[in-house]
Amino acid sequence: MQRYGNNFEIILKYMRLVVCLLQKRNHQFTCKNFILTLFVISINYLKKGINMKKVIDKAASRGYFNHGWLKTHHTFSFANYYNPERIHFGALRVLNDDSVDPSMGFDTHPHKNMEVISIPLKGYLRHGDSVQNTKTITPGDIQVMSTGSGIFHSEYNGSDKEQLEFLQIWVFPRVENTKPEYNNFDIRPLLKKNKLAVIISPNGETPASIKQDAWFSMGSFDAGQTIDYKMHQEGNGVYMFVIEGEIEVDGNHLSKRDGIGIWDTKEFQIKITKETTLLLMEVPMR
């Protein structure tokens, strides 16, 4: 993870240079006003996140495993993939990009004290669990499982012909050992072209809720669009995943399945350079 604070240093150097020149010319009143102006500009830059930190995870750098029926990419350490520099991003613990063969899947297994979000990108995802939930979801749906004190579940490709592609995401909960819950939601009414839509939140502003101070947003955008993102809560960071397309963030170019984590800022800007679908996961960093 890298820190970028050079722009503020440049501002300070520029201030010193201008002050020096004005003092030599004995422009006292002008100098005072100019110093005040530059000071205000500097503070505004800081508020916008000049010192923001970021980490970039290129698609090809993820852990990859071919299990025959399952092809999976791990952004963070998971199962047999271990990278000490990629354990988690704040409360975001797992981001798996899975492709499952027809009629195959994950047999019944336990989970505890984790918020598990599944987002199908292609095909049919069939869910079953120990609290009597059975559901098949497709692209445009999401499911949120709060595992709490413990739950058993299975996830299968619900088609015997088509490939299933979906994102599996784990988030540490705010409180442990709560009652297990499962919900699924149709997010299509929320998704509007060239708009970033909040699809999961902690406070009931969306149908899908999560037991953490986290906000998930999705959107599809045309090339040339710009997104100005503001953090929902102080101390949070955003992990952005490019599902399709190409974007630019703070001078960094990202393509399909690349990820970038951003924190220590209140806001940042995303430039869409090619038709793009994005997933943003805002989570507490501590």
C-alpha atoms as a PDB file:
ATOM      1  CA  MET A   1       0.000   0.000   0.000  1.00  0.00           C
ATOM      2  CA  GLN A   2       1.368   3.367  -1.022  1.00  0.00           C
ATOM      3  CA  ARG A   3       0.859   6.883   0.194  1.00  0.00           C
ATOM      4  CA  TYR A   4       0.697   9.868  -2.122  1.00  0.00           C
ATOM      5  CA  GLY A   5       1.343  13.289  -0.570  1.00  0.00           C
ATOM      6  CA  ASN A   6       3.630  14.944  -3.121  1.00  0.00           C
ATOM      7  CA  ASN A   7       0.984  17.367  -4.421  1.00  0.00           C
ATOM      8  CA  PHE A   8       0.689  19.118  -1.058  1.00  0.00           C
ATOM      9  CA  GLU A   9       4.473  19.491  -0.890  1.00  0.00           C
ATOM     10  CA  ILE A  10       4.365  21.147  -4.318  1.00  0.00           C
ATOM     11  CA  ILE A  11       1.701  23.580  -3.068  1.00  0.00           C
ATOM     12  CA  LEU A  12       3.875  24.551  -0.093  1.00  0.00           C
ATOM     13  CA  LYS A  13       6.923  25.107  -2.296  1.00  0.00           C
ATOM     14  CA  TYR A  14       4.848  27.253  -4.646  1.00  0.00           C
ATOM     15  CA  MET A  15       3.569  29.318  -1.709  1.00  0.00           C
ATOM     16  CA  ARG A  16       7.114  29.934  -0.469  1.00  0.00           C
ATOM     17  CA  LEU A  17       8.275  30.982  -3.935  1.00  0.00           C
ATOM     18  CA  VAL A  18       5.420  33.446  -4.471  1.00  0.00           C
ATOM     19  CA  VAL A  19       5.814  34.935  -0.988  1.00  0.00           C
ATOM     20  CA  CYS A  20       9.542  35.393  -1.563  1.00  0.00           C
ATOM     21  CA  LEU A  21       9.004  37.173  -4.888  1.00  0.00           C
ATOM     22  CA  LEU A  22       6.322  39.469  -3.485  1.00  0.00           C
ATOM     23  CA  GLN A  23       8.452  40.351  -0.465  1.00  0.00           C
ATOM     24  CA  LYS A  24      11.357  41.312  -2.721  1.00  0.00           C
ATOM     25  CA  ARG A  25       9.037  43.647  -4.616  1.00  0.00           C
ATOM     26  CA  ASN A  26       7.670  45.041  -1.333  1.00  0.00           C
ATOM     27  CA  HIS A  27       4.046  44.266  -2.225  1.00  0.00           C
ATOM     28  CA  GLN A  28       2.929  43.938   1.392  1.00  0.00           C
ATOM     29  CA  PHE A  29      -0.837  44.169   0.991  1.00  0.00           C
ATOM     30  CA  THR A  30      -0.867  42.018  -2.133  1.00  0.00           C
ATOM     31  CA  CYS A  31       1.409  39.520  -0.427  1.00  0.00           C
ATOM     32  CA  LYS A  32      -0.939  39.107   2.543  1.00  0.00           C
ATOM     33  CA  ASN A  33      -3.933  38.521   0.308  1.00  0.00           C
ATOM     34  CA  PHE A  34      -2.018  36.132  -1.893  1.00  0.00           C
ATOM     35  CA  ILE A  35      -0.839  34.108   1.101  1.00  0.00           C
ATOM     36  CA  LEU A  36      -4.411  33.889   2.400  1.00  0.00           C
ATOM     37  CA  THR A  37      -5.682  32.765  -1.006  1.00  0.00           C
ATOM     38  CA  LEU A  38      -3.038  30.073  -1.333  1.00  0.00           C
ATOM     39  CA  PHE A  39      -3.711  28.897   2.213  1.00  0.00           C
ATOM     40  CA  VAL A  40      -7.426  28.463   1.450  1.00  0.00           C
ATOM     41  CA  ILE A  41      -6.589  26.604  -1.777  1.00  0.00           C
ATOM     42  CA  SER A  42      -4.253  24.295   0.138  1.00  0.00           C
ATOM     43  CA  ILE A  43      -6.871  23.487   2.770  1.00  0.00           C
ATOM     44  CA  ASN A  44      -9.426  22.717   0.053  1.00  0.00           C
ATOM     45  CA  TYR A  45      -6.963  20.376  -1.630  1.00  0.00           C
ATOM     46  CA  LEU A  46      -6.443  18.557   1.653  1.00  0.00           C
ATOM     47  CA  LYS A  47     -10.195  18.201   2.137  1.00  0.00           C
ATOM     48  CA  LYS A  48     -10.473  16.633  -1.307  1.00  0.00           C
ATOM     49  CA  GLY A  49      -7.944  13.986  -0.406  1.00  0.00           C
ATOM     50  CA  ILE A  50      -4.546  15.041  -1.757  1.00  0.00           C
ATOM     51  CA  ASN A  51      -3.000  12.759   0.876  1.00  0.00           C
ATOM     52  CA  MET A  52      -5.263   9.844   0.062  1.00  0.00           C
ATOM     53  CA  LYS A  53      -3.733   6.389   0.112  1.00  0.00           C
ATOM     54  CA  LYS A  54      -4.335   3.715  -2.474  1.00  0.00           C
ATOM     55  CA  VAL A  55      -3.414   0.197  -3.445  1.00  0.00           C
ATOM     56  CA  ILE A  56      -3.814  -1.292  -6.923  1.00  0.00           C
ATOM     57  CA  ASP A  57      -4.413  -4.994  -7.604  1.00  0.00           C
ATOM     58  CA  LYS A  58      -4.157  -5.851 -11.298  1.00  0.00           C
ATOM     59  CA  ALA A  59      -6.323  -8.719 -12.530  1.00  0.00           C
ATOM     60  CA  ALA A  60      -3.337 -10.869 -13.516  1.00  0.00           C
ATOM     61  CA  SER A  61      -1.809 -10.565 -10.034  1.00  0.00           C
ATOM     62  CA  ARG A  62      -4.714 -12.313  -8.288  1.00  0.00           C
ATOM     63  CA  GLY A  63      -4.480 -15.866  -7.014  1.00  0.00           C
ATOM     64  CA  TYR A  64      -5.826 -18.309  -9.629  1.00  0.00           C
ATOM     65  CA  PHE A  65      -6.849 -21.954  -9.290  1.00  0.00           C
ATOM     66  CA  ASN A  66      -8.365 -24.368 -11.795  1.00  0.00           C
ATOM     67  CA  HIS A  67     -10.223 -27.126  -9.970  1.00  0.00           C
ATOM     68  CA  GLY A  68     -11.760 -28.512 -13.141  1.00  0.00           C
ATOM     69  CA  TRP A  69     -15.395 -27.698 -12.337  1.00  0.00           C
ATOM     70  CA  LEU A  70     -14.346 -24.382 -10.735  1.00  0.00           C
ATOM     71  CA  LYS A  71     -12.077 -21.656 -12.082  1.00  0.00           C
ATOM     72  CA  THR A  72     -11.508 -19.048  -9.407  1.00  0.00           C
ATOM     73  CA  HIS A  73      -9.547 -15.826  -8.918  1.00  0.00           C
ATOM     74  CA  HIS A  74      -8.833 -14.549  -5.395  1.00  0.00           C
ATOM     75  CA  THR A  75      -8.106 -10.844  -4.854  1.00  0.00           C
ATOM     76  CA  PHE A  76      -7.280 -11.530  -1.195  1.00  0.00           C
ATOM     77  CA  SER A  77      -5.671 -14.524   0.515  1.00  0.00           C
ATOM     78  CA  PHE A  78      -8.086 -17.448   0.415  1.00  0.00           C
ATOM     79  CA  ALA A  79      -7.828 -21.257   0.685  1.00  0.00           C
ATOM     80  CA  ASN A  80      -4.511 -22.254  -0.941  1.00  0.00           C
ATOM     81  CA  TYR A  81      -3.696 -18.700  -2.034  1.00  0.00           C
ATOM     82  CA  TYR A  82      -1.694 -16.751   0.529  1.00  0.00           C
ATOM     83  CA  ASN A  83      -0.193 -13.303   0.047  1.00  0.00           C
ATOM     84  CA  PRO A  84       0.818 -11.522   3.279  1.00  0.00           C
ATOM     85  CA  GLU A  85       0.241  -8.150   1.584  1.00  0.00           C
ATOM     86  CA  ARG A  86      -3.301  -9.130   0.578  1.00  0.00           C
ATOM     87  CA  ILE A  87      -5.067 -10.462   3.650  1.00  0.00           C
ATOM     88  CA  HIS A  88      -7.954  -7.989   3.614  1.00  0.00           C
ATOM     89  CA  PHE A  89      -8.895  -4.385   2.868  1.00  0.00           C
ATOM     90  CA  GLY A  90     -10.305  -3.031   6.101  1.00  0.00           C
ATOM     91  CA  ALA A  91     -13.460  -5.026   6.856  1.00  0.00           C
ATOM     92  CA  LEU A  92     -13.435  -6.521   3.336  1.00  0.00           C
ATOM     93  CA  ARG A  93     -11.999 -10.016   3.752  1.00  0.00           C
ATOM     94  CA  VAL A  94     -12.768 -11.935   0.535  1.00  0.00           C
ATOM     95  CA  LEU A  95     -13.362 -11.019  -3.101  1.00  0.00           C
ATOM     96  CA  ASN A  96     -13.567 -14.161  -5.232  1.00  0.00           C
ATOM     97  CA  ASP A  97     -14.348 -14.183  -8.946  1.00  0.00           C
ATOM     98  CA  ASP A  98     -15.772 -17.671  -9.631  1.00  0.00           C
ATOM     99  CA  SER A  99     -16.738 -19.588 -12.763  1.00  0.00           C
ATOM    100  CA  VAL A 100     -18.652 -22.837 -12.099  1.00  0.00           C
ATOM    101  CA  ASP A 101     -19.429 -25.601 -14.596  1.00  0.00           C
ATOM    102  CA  PRO A 102     -23.059 -26.664 -15.257  1.00  0.00           C
ATOM    103  CA  SER A 103     -24.723 -28.579 -12.389  1.00  0.00           C
ATOM    104  CA  MET A 104     -21.579 -28.268 -10.250  1.00  0.00           C
ATOM    105  CA  GLY A 105     -20.981 -26.229  -7.115  1.00  0.00           C
ATOM    106  CA  PHE A 106     -20.012 -25.885  -3.487  1.00  0.00           C
ATOM    107  CA  ASP A 107     -21.410 -28.656  -1.268  1.00  0.00           C
ATOM    108  CA  THR A 108     -22.958 -27.850   2.109  1.00  0.00           C
ATOM    109  CA  HIS A 109     -20.373 -26.243   4.404  1.00  0.00           C
ATOM    110  CA  PRO A 110     -20.396 -24.009   7.509  1.00  0.00           C
ATOM    111  CA  HIS A 111     -19.789 -20.292   7.996  1.00  0.00           C
ATOM    112  CA  LYS A 112     -19.713 -18.180  11.133  1.00  0.00           C
ATOM    113  CA  ASN A 113     -19.452 -14.452  11.897  1.00  0.00           C
ATOM    114  CA  MET A 114     -19.160 -13.210   8.337  1.00  0.00           C
ATOM    115  CA  GLU A 115     -21.381 -11.203   5.993  1.00  0.00           C
ATOM    116  CA  VAL A 116     -21.394 -13.160   2.716  1.00  0.00           C
ATOM    117  CA  ILE A 117     -22.564 -11.386  -0.436  1.00  0.00           C
ATOM    118  CA  SER A 118     -23.059 -13.147  -3.776  1.00  0.00           C
ATOM    119  CA  ILE A 119     -23.475 -11.242  -7.049  1.00  0.00           C
ATOM    120  CA  PRO A 120     -24.190 -13.368 -10.152  1.00  0.00           C
ATOM    121  CA  LEU A 121     -22.733 -12.008 -13.392  1.00  0.00           C
ATOM    122  CA  LYS A 122     -23.869 -14.815 -15.708  1.00  0.00           C
ATOM    123  CA  GLY A 123     -26.125 -17.853 -15.373  1.00  0.00           C
ATOM    124  CA  TYR A 124     -28.086 -19.255 -12.430  1.00  0.00           C
ATOM    125  CA  LEU A 125     -26.881 -19.380  -8.809  1.00  0.00           C
ATOM    126  CA  ARG A 126     -28.849 -21.870  -6.664  1.00  0.00           C
ATOM    127  CA  HIS A 127     -28.644 -21.344  -2.888  1.00  0.00           C
ATOM    128  CA  GLY A 128     -29.669 -23.648  -0.038  1.00  0.00           C
ATOM    129  CA  ASP A 129     -29.035 -23.331   3.713  1.00  0.00           C
ATOM    130  CA  SER A 130     -29.737 -24.736   7.177  1.00  0.00           C
ATOM    131  CA  VAL A 131     -32.372 -22.098   7.980  1.00  0.00           C
ATOM    132  CA  GLN A 132     -34.681 -23.474   5.280  1.00  0.00           C
ATOM    133  CA  ASN A 133     -33.894 -21.024   2.482  1.00  0.00           C
ATOM    134  CA  THR A 134     -33.752 -22.204  -1.135  1.00  0.00           C
ATOM    135  CA  LYS A 135     -33.464 -19.720  -3.972  1.00  0.00           C
ATOM    136  CA  THR A 136     -32.084 -19.385  -7.495  1.00  0.00           C
ATOM    137  CA  ILE A 137     -30.835 -15.942  -8.478  1.00  0.00           C
ATOM    138  CA  THR A 138     -29.643 -14.485 -11.784  1.00  0.00           C
ATOM    139  CA  PRO A 139     -27.778 -11.335 -12.938  1.00  0.00           C
ATOM    140  CA  GLY A 140     -29.656  -8.349 -11.528  1.00  0.00           C
ATOM    141  CA  ASP A 141     -30.190 -10.151  -8.208  1.00  0.00           C
ATOM    142  CA  ILE A 142     -27.932 -10.225  -5.154  1.00  0.00           C
ATOM    143  CA  GLN A 143     -28.001 -12.296  -1.986  1.00  0.00           C
ATOM    144  CA  VAL A 144     -26.762 -11.321   1.473  1.00  0.00           C
ATOM    145  CA  MET A 145     -26.175 -13.995   4.109  1.00  0.00           C
ATOM    146  CA  SER A 146     -25.393 -12.883   7.667  1.00  0.00           C
ATOM    147  CA  THR A 147     -23.836 -16.054   9.062  1.00  0.00           C
ATOM    148  CA  GLY A 148     -23.716 -14.798  12.667  1.00  0.00           C
ATOM    149  CA  SER A 149     -23.579 -17.594  15.241  1.00  0.00           C
ATOM    150  CA  GLY A 150     -23.365 -20.188  12.471  1.00  0.00           C
ATOM    151  CA  ILE A 151     -25.053 -21.451   9.312  1.00  0.00           C
ATOM    152  CA  PHE A 152     -24.586 -24.252   6.772  1.00  0.00           C
ATOM    153  CA  HIS A 153     -25.152 -23.488   3.100  1.00  0.00           C
ATOM    154  CA  SER A 154     -24.504 -24.691  -0.452  1.00  0.00           C
ATOM    155  CA  GLU A 155     -24.097 -22.769  -3.708  1.00  0.00           C
ATOM    156  CA  TYR A 156     -24.591 -24.511  -7.066  1.00  0.00           C
ATOM    157  CA  ASN A 157     -24.826 -23.742 -10.739  1.00  0.00           C
ATOM    158  CA  GLY A 158     -28.567 -24.031 -11.270  1.00  0.00           C
ATOM    159  CA  SER A 159     -28.211 -24.823 -14.974  1.00  0.00           C
ATOM    160  CA  ASP A 160     -27.177 -28.098 -16.585  1.00  0.00           C
ATOM    161  CA  LYS A 161     -26.066 -26.272 -19.744  1.00  0.00           C
ATOM    162  CA  GLU A 162     -24.763 -22.759 -18.984  1.00  0.00           C
ATOM    163  CA  GLN A 163     -21.668 -21.618 -17.105  1.00  0.00           C
ATOM    164  CA  LEU A 164     -22.206 -19.737 -13.829  1.00  0.00           C
ATOM    165  CA  GLU A 165     -20.073 -16.669 -13.109  1.00  0.00           C
ATOM    166  CA  PHE A 166     -20.453 -14.827  -9.820  1.00  0.00           C
ATOM    167  CA  LEU A 167     -18.621 -12.710  -7.260  1.00  0.00           C
ATOM    168  CA  GLN A 168     -18.406 -14.032  -3.704  1.00  0.00           C
ATOM    169  CA  ILE A 169     -17.602 -11.344  -1.138  1.00  0.00           C
ATOM    170  CA  TRP A 170     -17.012 -11.639   2.604  1.00  0.00           C
ATOM    171  CA  VAL A 171     -17.161  -8.716   5.039  1.00  0.00           C
ATOM    172  CA  PHE A 172     -16.344  -8.848   8.753  1.00  0.00           C
ATOM    173  CA  PRO A 173     -19.515  -8.002  10.764  1.00  0.00           C
ATOM    174  CA  ARG A 174     -19.872  -5.138  13.225  1.00  0.00           C
ATOM    175  CA  VAL A 175     -21.090  -7.521  15.945  1.00  0.00           C
ATOM    176  CA  GLU A 176     -20.444 -11.262  16.218  1.00  0.00           C
ATOM    177  CA  ASN A 177     -22.745 -14.186  17.060  1.00  0.00           C
ATOM    178  CA  THR A 178     -25.968 -12.591  15.859  1.00  0.00           C
ATOM    179  CA  LYS A 179     -28.925 -14.600  14.554  1.00  0.00           C
ATOM    180  CA  PRO A 180     -28.162 -16.029  11.067  1.00  0.00           C
ATOM    181  CA  GLU A 181     -30.162 -14.419   8.267  1.00  0.00           C
ATOM    182  CA  TYR A 182     -30.513 -14.810   4.501  1.00  0.00           C
ATOM    183  CA  ASN A 183     -32.068 -12.402   2.019  1.00  0.00           C
ATOM    184  CA  ASN A 184     -32.060 -11.955  -1.750  1.00  0.00           C
ATOM    185  CA  PHE A 185     -33.014  -8.868  -3.703  1.00  0.00           C
ATOM    186  CA  ASP A 186     -33.761  -7.707  -7.224  1.00  0.00           C
ATOM    187  CA  ILE A 187     -31.532  -4.648  -7.722  1.00  0.00           C
ATOM    188  CA  ARG A 188     -32.587  -3.974 -11.332  1.00  0.00           C
ATOM    189  CA  PRO A 189     -35.016  -1.169 -10.325  1.00  0.00           C
ATOM    190  CA  LEU A 190     -32.093   0.635  -8.652  1.00  0.00           C
ATOM    191  CA  LEU A 191     -29.719   0.431 -11.606  1.00  0.00           C
ATOM    192  CA  LYS A 192     -29.897   3.375 -14.018  1.00  0.00           C
ATOM    193  CA  LYS A 193     -27.482   3.963 -16.892  1.00  0.00           C
ATOM    194  CA  ASN A 194     -24.645   6.373 -15.994  1.00  0.00           C
ATOM    195  CA  LYS A 195     -25.719   6.460 -12.339  1.00  0.00           C
ATOM    196  CA  LEU A 196     -23.988   4.880  -9.351  1.00  0.00           C
ATOM    197  CA  ALA A 197     -26.625   3.097  -7.260  1.00  0.00           C
ATOM    198  CA  VAL A 198     -26.260   2.054  -3.617  1.00  0.00           C
ATOM    199  CA  ILE A 199     -27.354  -1.611  -3.540  1.00  0.00           C
ATOM    200  CA  ILE A 200     -26.376  -2.591   0.034  1.00  0.00           C
ATOM    201  CA  SER A 201     -26.304  -0.383   3.133  1.00  0.00           C
ATOM    202  CA  PRO A 202     -26.371  -0.701   6.932  1.00  0.00           C
ATOM    203  CA  ASN A 203     -29.213   1.679   7.627  1.00  0.00           C
ATOM    204  CA  GLY A 204     -32.255   0.549   5.677  1.00  0.00           C
ATOM    205  CA  GLU A 205     -31.876   2.998   2.783  1.00  0.00           C
ATOM    206  CA  THR A 206     -31.713  -0.011   0.441  1.00  0.00           C
ATOM    207  CA  PRO A 207     -33.700  -3.285   0.428  1.00  0.00           C
ATOM    208  CA  ALA A 208     -30.444  -5.188   1.018  1.00  0.00           C
ATOM    209  CA  SER A 209     -28.851  -4.519   4.406  1.00  0.00           C
ATOM    210  CA  ILE A 210     -25.588  -5.594   5.999  1.00  0.00           C
ATOM    211  CA  LYS A 211     -24.477  -5.888   9.631  1.00  0.00           C
ATOM    212  CA  GLN A 212     -21.519  -3.586   9.133  1.00  0.00           C
ATOM    213  CA  ASP A 213     -21.030   0.125   8.416  1.00  0.00           C
ATOM    214  CA  ALA A 214     -20.576  -0.708   4.739  1.00  0.00           C
ATOM    215  CA  TRP A 215     -22.101   0.555   1.509  1.00  0.00           C
ATOM    216  CA  PHE A 216     -21.971  -1.328  -1.804  1.00  0.00           C
ATOM    217  CA  SER A 217     -22.637   0.535  -5.053  1.00  0.00           C
ATOM    218  CA  MET A 218     -22.911  -0.601  -8.675  1.00  0.00           C
ATOM    219  CA  GLY A 219     -23.376   1.069 -12.025  1.00  0.00           C
ATOM    220  CA  SER A 220     -22.844   0.844 -15.776  1.00  0.00           C
ATOM    221  CA  PHE A 221     -21.393   3.860 -17.552  1.00  0.00           C
ATOM    222  CA  ASP A 222     -20.661   5.125 -21.047  1.00  0.00           C
ATOM    223  CA  ALA A 223     -17.177   6.308 -21.992  1.00  0.00           C
ATOM    224  CA  GLY A 224     -16.573   9.943 -21.063  1.00  0.00           C
ATOM    225  CA  GLN A 225     -18.636   9.861 -17.871  1.00  0.00           C
ATOM    226  CA  THR A 226     -17.201  11.078 -14.550  1.00  0.00           C
ATOM    227  CA  ILE A 227     -18.142   9.857 -11.067  1.00  0.00           C
ATOM    228  CA  ASP A 228     -17.525  11.990  -7.978  1.00  0.00           C
ATOM    229  CA  TYR A 229     -17.631   9.620  -5.013  1.00  0.00           C
ATOM    230  CA  LYS A 230     -18.010  10.836  -1.414  1.00  0.00           C
ATOM    231  CA  MET A 231     -17.466   8.547   1.570  1.00  0.00           C
ATOM    232  CA  HIS A 232     -20.579   7.748   3.570  1.00  0.00           C
ATOM    233  CA  GLN A 233     -18.680   7.546   6.862  1.00  0.00           C
ATOM    234  CA  GLU A 234     -15.430   8.966   8.201  1.00  0.00           C
ATOM    235  CA  GLY A 235     -12.718   6.332   8.543  1.00  0.00           C
ATOM    236  CA  ASN A 236     -14.067   4.225   5.695  1.00  0.00           C
ATOM    237  CA  GLY A 237     -12.245   3.232   2.536  1.00  0.00           C
ATOM    238  CA  VAL A 238     -13.496   2.046  -0.852  1.00  0.00           C
ATOM    239  CA  TYR A 239     -12.403  -1.017  -2.778  1.00  0.00           C
ATOM    240  CA  MET A 240     -13.399  -0.629  -6.410  1.00  0.00           C
ATOM    241  CA  PHE A 241     -13.641  -3.622  -8.768  1.00  0.00           C
ATOM    242  CA  VAL A 242     -13.875  -3.171 -12.537  1.00  0.00           C
ATOM    243  CA  ILE A 243     -16.302  -5.874 -13.658  1.00  0.00           C
ATOM    244  CA  GLU A 244     -16.067  -4.769 -17.300  1.00  0.00           C
ATOM    245  CA  GLY A 245     -14.476  -1.824 -19.092  1.00  0.00           C
ATOM    246  CA  GLU A 246     -11.743   0.692 -18.358  1.00  0.00           C
ATOM    247  CA  ILE A 247     -11.432   3.595 -15.931  1.00  0.00           C
ATOM    248  CA  GLU A 248      -8.914   6.107 -14.614  1.00  0.00           C
ATOM    249  CA  VAL A 249      -8.508   7.002 -10.937  1.00  0.00           C
ATOM    250  CA  ASP A 250      -5.953   9.576  -9.774  1.00  0.00           C
ATOM    251  CA  GLY A 251      -3.911   9.049 -12.942  1.00  0.00           C
ATOM    252  CA  ASN A 252      -4.020   5.239 -12.714  1.00  0.00           C
ATOM    253  CA  HIS A 253      -5.511   3.210 -15.571  1.00  0.00           C
ATOM    254  CA  LEU A 254      -7.576   0.158 -14.625  1.00  0.00           C
ATOM    255  CA  SER A 255      -9.122  -2.494 -16.874  1.00  0.00           C
ATOM    256  CA  LYS A 256     -11.458  -5.481 -16.610  1.00  0.00           C
ATOM    257  CA  ARG A 257     -11.168  -7.294 -13.242  1.00  0.00           C
ATOM    258  CA  ASP A 258      -8.572  -4.826 -11.888  1.00  0.00           C
ATOM    259  CA  GLY A 259      -9.138  -3.516  -8.361  1.00  0.00           C
ATOM    260  CA  ILE A 260      -8.119  -0.389  -6.461  1.00  0.00           C
ATOM    261  CA  GLY A 261      -8.447   0.395  -2.758  1.00  0.00           C
ATOM    262  CA  ILE A 262      -8.698   4.045  -1.667  1.00  0.00           C
ATOM    263  CA  TRP A 263      -8.694   5.448   1.866  1.00  0.00           C
ATOM    264  CA  ASP A 264      -7.681   8.459   3.988  1.00  0.00           C
ATOM    265  CA  THR A 265      -9.836  10.746   1.851  1.00  0.00           C
ATOM    266  CA  LYS A 266     -13.368  12.098   1.936  1.00  0.00           C
ATOM    267  CA  GLU A 267     -13.914  11.969  -1.815  1.00  0.00           C
ATOM    268  CA  PHE A 268     -12.334  10.990  -5.112  1.00  0.00           C
ATOM    269  CA  GLN A 269     -13.110  11.015  -8.827  1.00  0.00           C
ATOM    270  CA  ILE A 270     -13.478   8.188 -11.351  1.00  0.00           C
ATOM    271  CA  LYS A 271     -13.123   8.816 -15.090  1.00  0.00           C
ATOM    272  CA  ILE A 272     -14.785   6.308 -17.417  1.00  0.00           C
ATOM    273  CA  THR A 273     -12.590   5.738 -20.485  1.00  0.00           C
ATOM    274  CA  LYS A 274     -14.531   2.805 -21.999  1.00  0.00           C
ATOM    275  CA  GLU A 275     -18.032   1.425 -21.472  1.00  0.00           C
ATOM    276  CA  THR A 276     -17.775   0.101 -17.922  1.00  0.00           C
ATOM    277  CA  THR A 277     -19.555  -1.770 -15.146  1.00  0.00           C
ATOM    278  CA  LEU A 278     -18.246  -1.069 -11.633  1.00  0.00           C
ATOM    279  CA  LEU A 279     -18.677  -2.431  -8.121  1.00  0.00           C
ATOM    280  CA  LEU A 280     -17.653  -0.198  -5.197  1.00  0.00           C
ATOM    281  CA  MET A 281     -17.402  -1.600  -1.667  1.00  0.00           C
ATOM    282  CA  GLU A 282     -17.063   1.030   1.066  1.00  0.00           C
ATOM    283  CA  VAL A 283     -16.011  -0.511   4.385  1.00  0.00           C
ATOM    284  CA  PRO A 284     -14.501   0.549   7.732  1.00  0.00           C
ATOM    285  CA  MET A 285     -10.709   0.498   7.642  1.00  0.00           C
ATOM    286  CA  ARG A 286     -10.331  -0.258  11.374  1.00  0.00           C
END
